[in-house]
Each structure stands twice: as structure tokens, then as C-alpha cells.
Amino acid sequence: MYALLQNFFIAILVLSGVPLLASALVGGVLTIFQAATQLHEATVVHIARLITLLIVLFLGGSWGLQQITGLLQGSFMLARAFGGG
């Protein structure tokens, strides 16, 4: 049971951390670019972050769905073992 909870927490960190990290990196690079060029347009950073999130979710979405499905199947099997059904 503890291994399943540990796997849930690791999956949460990985599935949410990768898109957040990618978005933060793109935002940081664009912020440095804006500071260097004296171009201060807020929508550029937001649109770039949105596009980055969409790309990351598109590329890793099927893998994330497989991870979530496997964890849910494991939790249902564990619940069935405890429930006796």
C-alpha cells in the first residue's frame, strides 16, 4: 500500500513538474531576451508559455495517461484485495 502511495506521489511530481519546468524555462529565456532588447510585452511571454505547455502535453500526454491508468488499476486491485471482492 505504501509503495502505491509513493508511486502516486512520484507520478504527481513528474506529470506536473515537467510542464511547469518547461514553462518556467521558456518564460525565463524570454524574460532575459526582453530585458536585453528593451521589449516589454507581457503577452509574448504568456503566449509562448501556453504554446510550450500545449506542446509538452501533446508530446507526453499518452505517456501520462498510461501512468495514471496503471496507478488507478493498481489502486482498484488493492481496494478489491482489502474489500474481499
Foldseek 3Di string as FASTA:
>chain_A
DVVLVVLVVVLVCVVPVVLVVQLVVQLVVVVVVCVVVVNDDVVVSVVVSVVSSVVVCVVCVVVSVVSVVVSVVVVVVVVCVVVVD
